[in-house]
Amino acid sequence: MPELSVVIVGGLHADARKEAVARLLTDVPDSVVLHHDLSTAAAGTVVRTIRDATGIVGAGEAPLVNDCACCALREDLVPELLRIRDAGGTRMAIVELWDSVEPKAMAEVVTAGGLTVTGVLTAVDPALVLPYLGNGDDLAERGLAAAATDQRTVADTFARQLEYAPVLAVAASPEADDEDRELLAQLHPTARQVPIDDLTVPAPRRRPLSSLARAALAGFDVEAADAAQHPACALLPADADAHGVATLVWHRRRPFHPERLYAALEDLTCAAARSRGRFWLADKPDVLLHWDAAGGALCVESAGPWLASLPDAAWDMVPPVRRAAAALDWHPEHGDCCQHLVFTSPALDRDGLEQLLESCLLTDAEYAAGRAAWKQLPPAFDTLLEV
């Protein structure tokens, strides 16, 4: 069958997303937009539409799966894309995700279905980055939940949409200032930012092709994108300070005291618009823990063992990208065990934040007592980790 390019465009900034989709549809001949509207889930179905540059060319419904609109989308997406491919005549299928659907899951579903994802884009209005990162409302409160059990917030959903995509489709925003644009740059410094309305100068007698379309067709590696989000090898932001926005990278080789860190969680979580990374608790010295905070809410999860705690025979089962990341940061005594947390925000109190973090580490005497003593410390995080 002829190759079909699948481009995924997502983002909670609906106006910017629609603008990006319209730009792609206009710019690339023989393209269609596939969209599943999850707002109709209350009626028991998800409404699917397919449109080209002239308007809607197809529509249908997909029933909910286990009372889950996002599950219905997963079940329906690949069969519809295969049907579009098999019908021929379509060069690019633009999958416009509904507001709160995250691109990571959909890119993995499409790739597993045997189709080629050539681009994943998150559309962004720079003026809305800080308001959305600071919005701790549940998606359900905003009518944006993708399932009855959806407990995500606006802030954490937006953060994952933003940080997963290698390309950010940036809307022209008269309300955005230098601080807004700097915040966007520091949150995802490795992303390629492409203005939605930017046009490449056309060659003679050739149709102009936007920079956005070129980025959408440039290629996408789903495994590399997944590795870039894993807490053990994530491509975290670097230290920065410009236009009133700062990023603090805090890296230490001593574990946290569980009770002191737990007591400081609220202050640490509220210290920055966004913070993430990996951390090391003294009472769980073999467990790599993931820190993920936005909108004043913190999610702490186990990400499995530190590589230093694994027997040599188990290393062959570890992905090469993780082994490489560990090797770059290997300590002769502790291996890859460490604190690596990153805080990004306007008006960040770097000194106060560093002092608070330092106060949560083991003291010299506690550290010298060794691992056997560390494991006897009160397990303050068991409730958060559901142990």
Protein backbone atom coordinates (compact mmCIF):
# COMPACT_ATOMS: atom_id res chain seq x y z
CA MET A 1 0.00 0.00 0.00
CA PRO A 2 1.20 3.61 -0.56
CA GLU A 3 2.80 5.30 2.41
CA LEU A 4 0.60 7.59 4.46
CA SER A 5 2.16 10.24 6.66
CA VAL A 6 0.38 10.57 10.01
CA VAL A 7 0.85 13.84 11.87
CA ILE A 8 -0.48 14.20 15.42
CA VAL A 9 -1.46 17.68 16.58
CA GLY A 10 -2.55 18.14 20.18
CA GLY A 11 -2.80 20.70 22.93
CA LEU A 12 -5.20 22.21 25.42
CA HIS A 13 -4.82 25.58 23.69
CA ALA A 14 -7.71 24.85 21.34
CA ASP A 15 -7.52 28.02 19.21
CA ALA A 16 -3.80 27.52 18.57
CA ARG A 17 -4.38 23.84 17.79
CA LYS A 18 -7.12 24.57 15.28
CA GLU A 19 -4.96 27.24 13.67
CA ALA A 20 -2.07 24.80 13.29
CA VAL A 21 -4.33 22.12 11.81
CA ALA A 22 -5.82 24.61 9.33
CA ARG A 23 -2.32 25.69 8.33
CA LEU A 24 -1.24 22.12 7.62
CA LEU A 25 -4.42 21.27 5.76
CA THR A 26 -4.04 24.31 3.52
CA ASP A 27 -0.35 23.86 2.94
CA VAL A 28 -0.04 20.15 2.13
CA PRO A 29 -2.06 18.95 -0.88
CA ASP A 30 -4.08 15.73 -0.57
CA SER A 31 -4.38 15.97 3.21
CA VAL A 32 -7.24 15.18 5.55
CA VAL A 33 -7.97 15.89 9.21
CA LEU A 34 -9.26 13.09 11.44
CA HIS A 35 -10.82 14.25 14.70
CA HIS A 36 -12.64 12.42 17.50
CA ASP A 37 -14.84 14.68 19.63
CA LEU A 38 -14.84 13.30 23.16
CA SER A 39 -17.29 15.93 24.42
CA THR A 40 -20.15 13.71 23.18
CA ALA A 41 -19.18 10.90 25.59
CA ALA A 42 -22.14 11.71 27.86
CA ALA A 43 -24.38 10.39 25.08
CA GLY A 44 -22.43 7.11 25.00
CA THR A 45 -20.42 7.71 21.83
CA VAL A 46 -17.45 9.57 20.41
CA VAL A 47 -18.16 11.48 17.20
CA ARG A 48 -15.61 11.06 14.42
CA THR A 49 -15.21 13.52 11.55
CA ILE A 50 -12.92 13.54 8.53
CA ARG A 51 -12.44 16.69 6.52
CA ASP A 52 -10.28 17.97 3.73
CA ALA A 53 -9.67 21.48 2.48
CA THR A 54 -13.25 21.69 1.14
CA GLY A 55 -15.00 20.61 4.34
CA ILE A 56 -16.31 17.44 6.01
CA VAL A 57 -16.03 14.36 3.80
CA GLY A 58 -16.97 11.70 6.34
CA ALA A 59 -18.46 11.26 9.79
CA GLY A 60 -19.36 8.46 12.16
CA GLU A 61 -19.57 7.38 15.77
CA ALA A 62 -17.52 5.08 17.97
CA PRO A 63 -19.19 3.60 21.07
CA LEU A 64 -17.55 4.08 24.45
CA VAL A 65 -15.33 1.25 25.68
CA ASN A 66 -15.75 0.52 29.40
CA ASP A 67 -17.34 3.95 29.83
CA CYS A 68 -14.14 5.52 28.52
CA ALA A 69 -14.14 8.01 25.65
CA CYS A 70 -10.35 7.88 25.26
CA CYS A 71 -10.54 4.07 25.00
CA ALA A 72 -13.06 4.48 22.19
CA LEU A 73 -10.61 6.79 20.44
CA ARG A 74 -7.83 4.21 20.79
CA GLU A 75 -10.03 1.45 19.34
CA ASP A 76 -11.24 3.57 16.40
CA LEU A 77 -8.16 5.55 15.42
CA VAL A 78 -5.99 2.96 13.67
CA PRO A 79 -8.83 1.29 11.68
CA GLU A 80 -9.86 4.71 10.36
CA LEU A 81 -6.31 5.62 9.41
CA LEU A 82 -5.88 2.26 7.65
CA ARG A 83 -9.10 2.87 5.75
CA ILE A 84 -7.85 6.29 4.66
CA ARG A 85 -4.56 4.79 3.56
CA ASP A 86 -6.15 1.91 1.68
CA ALA A 87 -8.55 4.21 -0.15
CA GLY A 88 -5.54 5.97 -1.69
CA GLY A 89 -5.17 9.57 -2.78
CA THR A 90 -4.19 10.91 0.65
CA ARG A 91 -0.67 12.11 1.33
CA MET A 92 -1.02 13.18 4.96
CA ALA A 93 -3.54 12.36 7.69
CA ILE A 94 -3.60 15.01 10.41
CA VAL A 95 -4.88 13.54 13.68
CA GLU A 96 -6.27 16.50 15.59
CA LEU A 97 -6.49 15.35 19.19
CA TRP A 98 -9.32 16.46 21.43
CA ASP A 99 -8.31 18.99 24.09
CA SER A 100 -7.09 16.78 26.96
CA VAL A 101 -5.89 13.78 24.94
CA GLU A 102 -2.14 13.37 25.34
CA PRO A 103 -0.02 12.80 22.20
CA LYS A 104 2.24 10.13 23.73
CA ALA A 105 -0.45 7.46 23.96
CA MET A 106 -1.82 8.20 20.49
CA ALA A 107 1.61 8.20 18.83
CA GLU A 108 2.30 4.79 20.36
CA VAL A 109 -1.11 3.43 19.27
CA VAL A 110 -0.61 4.62 15.68
CA THR A 111 2.94 3.27 15.46
CA ALA A 112 1.89 -0.09 16.93
CA GLY A 113 -0.80 -0.22 14.24
CA GLY A 114 1.85 -0.32 11.53
CA LEU A 115 1.47 3.27 10.37
CA THR A 116 4.16 5.93 10.06
CA VAL A 117 4.04 8.94 12.36
CA THR A 118 6.11 11.67 10.70
CA GLY A 119 5.44 14.37 13.26
CA VAL A 120 4.01 15.10 16.70
CA LEU A 121 3.17 18.73 17.36
CA THR A 122 1.72 20.50 20.38
CA ALA A 123 0.10 23.83 19.58
CA VAL A 124 0.82 26.59 22.08
CA ASP A 125 -0.24 30.15 22.76
CA PRO A 126 2.72 31.59 24.71
CA ALA A 127 0.47 33.94 26.68
CA LEU A 128 -1.43 30.95 28.09
CA VAL A 129 1.52 28.82 29.21
CA LEU A 130 1.73 30.17 32.76
CA PRO A 131 -2.06 30.28 33.36
CA TYR A 132 -2.41 26.66 32.26
CA LEU A 133 0.62 25.48 34.26
CA GLY A 134 -0.88 27.16 37.30
CA ASN A 135 -4.34 25.66 36.85
CA GLY A 136 -4.81 22.89 39.40
CA ASP A 137 -8.45 22.22 38.44
CA ASP A 138 -9.40 18.64 37.73
CA LEU A 139 -10.17 18.04 34.06
CA ALA A 140 -13.60 16.78 35.12
CA GLU A 141 -14.38 20.19 36.64
CA ARG A 142 -13.68 21.80 33.25
CA GLY A 143 -15.61 19.23 31.21
CA LEU A 144 -12.35 17.87 29.77
CA ALA A 145 -12.09 14.43 31.37
CA ALA A 146 -11.50 11.60 28.90
CA ALA A 147 -13.04 8.93 31.14
CA ALA A 148 -15.16 8.66 34.26
CA THR A 149 -12.03 7.71 36.20
CA ASP A 150 -9.87 10.52 34.77
CA GLN A 151 -8.18 12.24 37.73
CA ARG A 152 -5.74 14.41 35.81
CA THR A 153 -5.54 18.16 36.26
CA VAL A 154 -5.30 20.91 33.66
CA ALA A 155 -1.73 21.71 34.73
CA ASP A 156 -0.22 18.22 34.63
CA THR A 157 -1.99 17.38 31.36
CA PHE A 158 -0.73 20.53 29.69
CA ALA A 159 2.80 19.92 30.97
CA ARG A 160 2.93 16.43 29.46
CA GLN A 161 1.45 17.64 26.15
CA LEU A 162 4.07 20.36 25.99
CA GLU A 163 7.10 18.30 26.98
CA TYR A 164 6.44 15.20 24.85
CA ALA A 165 6.26 16.88 21.46
CA PRO A 166 9.57 17.57 19.68
CA VAL A 167 7.83 20.37 17.75
CA LEU A 168 5.85 23.23 19.27
CA ALA A 169 3.49 25.00 16.87
CA VAL A 170 3.54 28.51 18.30
CA ALA A 171 0.64 30.86 17.66
CA ALA A 172 1.20 34.56 17.08
CA SER A 173 -0.03 36.05 20.34
CA PRO A 174 -0.25 39.84 20.80
CA GLU A 175 -0.71 39.29 24.55
CA ALA A 176 2.54 37.34 24.94
CA ASP A 177 5.61 39.15 26.29
CA ASP A 178 9.28 38.25 26.66
CA GLU A 179 8.61 36.49 29.97
CA ASP A 180 5.98 34.24 28.39
CA ARG A 181 8.26 33.31 25.51
CA GLU A 182 11.20 32.71 27.85
CA LEU A 183 9.09 30.45 30.07
CA LEU A 184 8.13 28.37 27.05
CA ALA A 185 11.77 28.14 25.94
CA GLN A 186 13.02 27.07 29.38
CA LEU A 187 10.28 24.49 29.93
CA HIS A 188 11.17 22.61 26.74
CA PRO A 189 14.55 23.84 25.49
CA THR A 190 15.10 20.94 23.07
CA ALA A 191 11.83 21.52 21.22
CA ARG A 192 11.79 23.03 17.77
CA GLN A 193 9.52 26.07 17.97
CA VAL A 194 7.77 26.79 14.68
CA PRO A 195 5.53 29.82 14.19
CA ILE A 196 2.22 28.65 12.78
CA ASP A 197 2.01 31.50 10.30
CA ASP A 198 5.64 31.31 9.12
CA LEU A 199 6.04 30.73 5.37
CA THR A 200 9.17 29.48 3.65
CA VAL A 201 10.03 31.57 0.59
CA PRO A 202 8.78 29.52 -2.38
CA ALA A 203 10.92 28.50 -5.31
CA PRO A 204 9.76 29.82 -8.71
CA ARG A 205 6.53 28.17 -9.94
CA ARG A 206 6.26 26.10 -6.75
CA ARG A 207 3.61 26.28 -4.07
CA PRO A 208 4.95 27.75 -0.81
CA LEU A 209 5.46 25.26 1.99
CA SER A 210 5.19 26.45 5.57
CA SER A 211 7.87 25.72 8.13
CA LEU A 212 5.14 23.95 10.09
CA ALA A 213 4.45 21.51 7.27
CA ARG A 214 8.15 20.81 6.86
CA ALA A 215 8.39 20.03 10.57
CA ALA A 216 5.31 17.79 10.43
CA LEU A 217 6.86 15.67 7.70
CA ALA A 218 10.40 15.57 9.11
CA GLY A 219 10.04 12.24 10.94
CA PHE A 220 9.36 11.03 14.47
CA ASP A 221 10.94 8.34 16.66
CA VAL A 222 8.41 7.02 19.18
CA GLU A 223 11.05 5.12 21.19
CA ALA A 224 13.31 8.14 21.49
CA ALA A 225 10.36 10.29 22.54
CA ASP A 226 9.43 7.78 25.23
CA ALA A 227 13.00 7.64 26.55
CA ALA A 228 13.14 11.44 26.69
CA GLN A 229 10.25 11.37 29.20
CA HIS A 230 11.51 8.54 31.42
CA PRO A 231 12.74 9.96 34.75
CA ALA A 232 15.97 7.95 34.57
CA CYS A 233 17.08 9.46 31.27
CA ALA A 234 14.78 12.43 30.63
CA LEU A 235 16.11 15.39 28.71
CA LEU A 236 15.55 17.84 31.55
CA PRO A 237 15.99 21.62 31.17
CA ALA A 238 19.35 23.20 31.94
CA ASP A 239 20.12 25.96 34.40
CA ALA A 240 18.90 29.33 33.04
CA ASP A 241 17.94 32.84 34.09
CA ALA A 242 16.52 35.39 31.64
CA HIS A 243 13.60 37.80 31.23
CA GLY A 244 12.41 37.21 34.78
CA VAL A 245 12.25 33.41 34.36
CA ALA A 246 14.70 31.01 35.97
CA THR A 247 15.43 27.30 35.93
CA LEU A 248 17.24 25.76 38.88
CA VAL A 249 18.93 22.40 38.32
CA TRP A 250 19.60 20.77 41.69
CA HIS A 251 21.88 17.73 41.71
CA ARG A 252 23.20 15.99 44.82
CA ARG A 253 24.70 12.60 45.79
CA ARG A 254 23.11 12.22 49.23
CA PRO A 255 19.63 10.77 49.91
CA PHE A 256 16.71 12.69 51.37
CA HIS A 257 15.51 12.12 54.91
CA PRO A 258 11.92 10.91 54.26
CA GLU A 259 10.22 12.84 57.09
CA ARG A 260 11.97 16.15 56.41
CA LEU A 261 11.28 15.95 52.70
CA TYR A 262 7.65 15.03 53.28
CA ALA A 263 7.22 18.03 55.62
CA ALA A 264 8.63 20.31 52.89
CA LEU A 265 6.54 18.97 50.00
CA GLU A 266 3.97 21.76 49.95
CA ASP A 267 6.60 24.49 49.91
CA LEU A 268 8.65 22.69 47.26
CA THR A 269 5.65 22.00 45.07
CA CYS A 270 4.48 25.61 45.17
CA ALA A 271 7.98 27.07 44.70
CA ALA A 272 7.83 26.81 40.90
CA ALA A 273 5.34 26.71 38.08
CA ARG A 274 6.86 23.41 36.99
CA SER A 275 9.26 20.96 38.60
CA ARG A 276 10.27 17.44 37.67
CA GLY A 277 13.08 14.92 37.85
CA ARG A 278 14.23 11.96 39.90
CA PHE A 279 15.04 11.66 43.57
CA TRP A 280 16.49 9.32 46.18
CA LEU A 281 14.95 8.51 49.58
CA ALA A 282 17.12 7.11 52.37
CA ASP A 283 14.53 4.57 53.56
CA LYS A 284 14.12 3.27 49.97
CA PRO A 285 17.71 3.49 48.73
CA ASP A 286 17.26 1.07 45.83
CA VAL A 287 14.18 2.77 44.32
CA LEU A 288 14.32 5.49 41.67
CA LEU A 289 11.48 7.91 42.42
CA HIS A 290 9.86 10.25 39.91
CA TRP A 291 9.00 13.86 40.85
CA ASP A 292 6.33 15.53 38.68
CA ALA A 293 4.73 18.79 39.84
CA ALA A 294 2.58 21.46 38.19
CA GLY A 295 -0.36 23.60 39.23
CA GLY A 296 0.47 23.26 42.91
CA ALA A 297 0.04 19.48 42.80
CA LEU A 298 2.74 16.82 43.06
CA CYS A 299 2.80 13.28 41.72
CA VAL A 300 5.40 10.92 43.17
CA GLU A 301 5.85 7.48 41.62
CA SER A 302 8.31 4.63 41.69
CA ALA A 303 10.16 4.25 38.39
CA GLY A 304 11.73 0.93 39.32
CA PRO A 305 15.23 0.24 40.67
CA TRP A 306 18.32 2.36 40.28
CA LEU A 307 20.75 0.56 37.98
CA ALA A 308 23.27 0.48 40.81
CA SER A 309 20.96 -1.87 42.73
CA LEU A 310 20.69 -4.40 39.89
CA PRO A 311 22.93 -7.46 39.51
CA ASP A 312 25.24 -7.34 36.52
CA ALA A 313 23.24 -10.05 34.74
CA ALA A 314 20.15 -7.82 34.70
CA TRP A 315 21.85 -4.98 32.82
CA ASP A 316 21.33 -6.67 29.46
CA MET A 317 17.59 -6.19 29.95
CA VAL A 318 17.96 -2.44 30.46
CA PRO A 319 17.46 -0.25 27.35
CA PRO A 320 20.74 1.10 25.95
CA VAL A 321 19.60 4.71 26.29
CA ARG A 322 19.18 4.27 30.02
CA ARG A 323 22.54 2.57 30.42
CA ALA A 324 24.12 5.45 28.50
CA ALA A 325 22.40 8.06 30.67
CA ALA A 326 23.56 6.28 33.84
CA ALA A 327 27.13 6.01 32.55
CA LEU A 328 27.28 9.77 32.00
CA ASP A 329 26.35 10.40 35.64
CA TRP A 330 27.92 7.40 37.38
CA HIS A 331 29.34 7.84 40.87
CA PRO A 332 32.04 5.42 42.12
CA GLU A 333 30.18 4.82 45.40
CA HIS A 334 26.49 5.36 44.60
CA GLY A 335 26.31 4.57 40.88
CA ASP A 336 23.32 6.36 39.34
CA CYS A 337 21.58 7.05 42.70
CA CYS A 338 21.17 10.80 43.04
CA GLN A 339 18.92 13.82 43.36
CA HIS A 340 18.27 15.49 40.00
CA LEU A 341 15.39 17.94 40.26
CA VAL A 342 14.62 20.87 37.98
CA PHE A 343 12.45 23.86 38.94
CA THR A 344 11.25 26.43 36.35
CA SER A 345 9.24 29.55 37.08
CA PRO A 346 9.01 33.30 36.82
CA ALA A 347 10.30 35.00 39.97
CA LEU A 348 11.95 31.81 41.21
CA ASP A 349 13.55 32.13 44.64
CA ARG A 350 16.65 30.14 43.80
CA ASP A 351 18.49 30.69 47.09
CA GLY A 352 15.47 29.90 49.26
CA LEU A 353 14.67 26.81 47.20
CA GLU A 354 18.22 25.50 47.41
CA GLN A 355 18.31 26.02 51.17
CA LEU A 356 15.03 24.16 51.61
CA LEU A 357 16.21 21.25 49.47
CA GLU A 358 19.54 21.06 51.30
CA SER A 359 17.74 20.94 54.65
CA CYS A 360 15.90 17.79 53.56
CA LEU A 361 19.07 15.77 52.91
CA LEU A 362 20.57 13.41 55.46
CA THR A 363 22.90 15.10 57.91
CA ASP A 364 26.54 14.04 58.06
CA ALA A 365 25.81 11.80 61.04
CA GLU A 366 22.74 10.23 59.43
CA TYR A 367 24.64 9.67 56.21
CA ALA A 368 27.57 8.06 58.01
CA ALA A 369 25.23 5.57 59.74
CA GLY A 370 24.92 3.70 56.42
CA ARG A 371 22.17 1.99 54.46
CA ALA A 372 21.06 -0.40 57.15
CA ALA A 373 20.26 2.57 59.41
CA TRP A 374 18.66 4.53 56.54
CA LYS A 375 16.16 1.75 55.94
CA GLN A 376 14.95 2.06 59.53
CA LEU A 377 13.88 5.68 59.06
CA PRO A 378 10.10 6.35 59.18
CA PRO A 379 8.50 5.51 55.78
CA ALA A 380 6.82 8.90 55.34
CA PHE A 381 6.17 8.40 51.61
CA ASP A 382 4.36 5.05 51.78
CA THR A 383 0.94 6.70 51.53
CA LEU A 384 1.93 8.70 48.44
CA LEU A 385 3.47 5.62 46.86
CA GLU A 386 0.54 3.41 47.93
CA VAL A 387 2.94 0.92 49.51
